[in-house]
Amino acid sequence: MALTLEQIRADVADVLGEDPADIPGDENLVDYGLDSVRIMTLVERWRREHGTEVTFVDLAEKPAIEQWAPLLGARA
């Protein structure tokens, strides 16, 4: 099952303990508290639940939802 932008935002909000509405699509998520442990949590979740092959480095280099979407094959 392919990821959607909404699912990416919801998963990021979940690991940050925030409301999805408070997570911007175009801003650096590190500024919102996303750290390496949380990125790895997302990588593992998306591999397990969606079969993605994204790596920690892929996500850490560009920590914004809009930049992750193409890497994760997300649909709008």
Protein backbone atom coordinates (compact mmCIF):
# COMPACT_ATOMS: atom_id res chain seq x y z
CA MET A 1 0.00 0.00 0.00
CA ALA A 2 1.49 3.31 -1.07
CA LEU A 3 2.05 6.10 1.39
CA THR A 4 0.14 9.36 1.04
CA LEU A 5 1.20 12.84 2.11
CA GLU A 6 -1.44 12.66 4.83
CA GLN A 7 -0.03 9.36 6.14
CA ILE A 8 3.53 10.71 6.16
CA ARG A 9 2.36 13.77 8.10
CA ALA A 10 0.36 11.60 10.53
CA ASP A 11 3.33 9.28 11.15
CA VAL A 12 5.70 12.20 11.71
CA ALA A 13 3.21 13.78 14.11
CA ASP A 14 2.91 10.45 15.93
CA VAL A 15 6.65 10.12 16.59
CA LEU A 16 6.82 13.78 17.65
CA GLY A 17 3.73 13.60 19.87
CA GLU A 18 2.12 16.45 17.92
CA ASP A 19 -1.11 17.07 16.06
CA PRO A 20 -0.72 16.38 12.31
CA ALA A 21 -2.17 19.84 11.59
CA ASP A 22 0.83 21.37 13.37
CA ILE A 23 3.39 19.62 11.13
CA PRO A 24 4.38 21.72 8.09
CA GLY A 25 5.05 20.09 4.75
CA ASP A 26 7.83 22.38 3.64
CA GLU A 27 9.87 23.10 6.77
CA ASN A 28 12.87 21.35 8.31
CA LEU A 29 11.42 18.79 10.71
CA VAL A 30 14.55 18.87 12.87
CA ASP A 31 13.28 22.29 14.01
CA TYR A 32 10.17 20.49 15.29
CA GLY A 33 12.12 17.95 17.32
CA LEU A 34 12.72 15.22 14.75
CA ASP A 35 15.98 13.53 15.72
CA SER A 36 17.92 10.53 14.43
CA VAL A 37 16.07 8.04 16.65
CA ARG A 38 12.69 9.26 15.40
CA ILE A 39 13.86 9.20 11.78
CA MET A 40 14.93 5.56 12.22
CA THR A 41 11.55 4.80 13.78
CA LEU A 42 9.86 6.20 10.66
CA VAL A 43 12.21 4.34 8.31
CA GLU A 44 11.44 1.04 10.03
CA ARG A 45 7.69 1.73 10.21
CA TRP A 46 7.49 2.58 6.52
CA ARG A 47 9.58 -0.44 5.53
CA ARG A 48 7.40 -2.75 7.60
CA GLU A 49 4.01 -1.26 6.75
CA HIS A 50 4.52 0.03 3.21
CA GLY A 51 7.53 -1.82 1.82
CA THR A 52 9.55 1.34 1.22
CA GLU A 53 13.28 1.08 0.67
CA VAL A 54 14.15 4.57 1.88
CA THR A 55 17.21 4.86 4.12
CA PHE A 56 18.00 6.93 7.17
CA VAL A 57 20.45 9.00 5.09
CA ASP A 58 17.80 9.70 2.44
CA LEU A 59 15.48 11.19 5.05
CA ALA A 60 18.13 12.90 7.18
CA GLU A 61 19.56 14.79 4.19
CA LYS A 62 16.22 16.48 3.43
CA PRO A 63 14.06 16.46 6.58
CA ALA A 64 10.82 17.90 5.18
CA ILE A 65 7.63 16.07 4.27
CA GLU A 66 7.47 17.57 0.77
CA GLN A 67 11.02 16.37 0.10
CA TRP A 68 10.30 12.90 1.51
CA ALA A 69 7.14 12.31 -0.52
CA PRO A 70 8.90 11.52 -3.83
CA LEU A 71 11.47 9.33 -2.04
CA LEU A 72 8.66 7.36 -0.45
CA GLY A 73 6.58 7.15 -3.62
CA ALA A 74 3.78 9.01 -1.89
CA ARG A 75 0.53 9.91 -3.57
CA ALA A 76 -1.15 13.26 -2.93
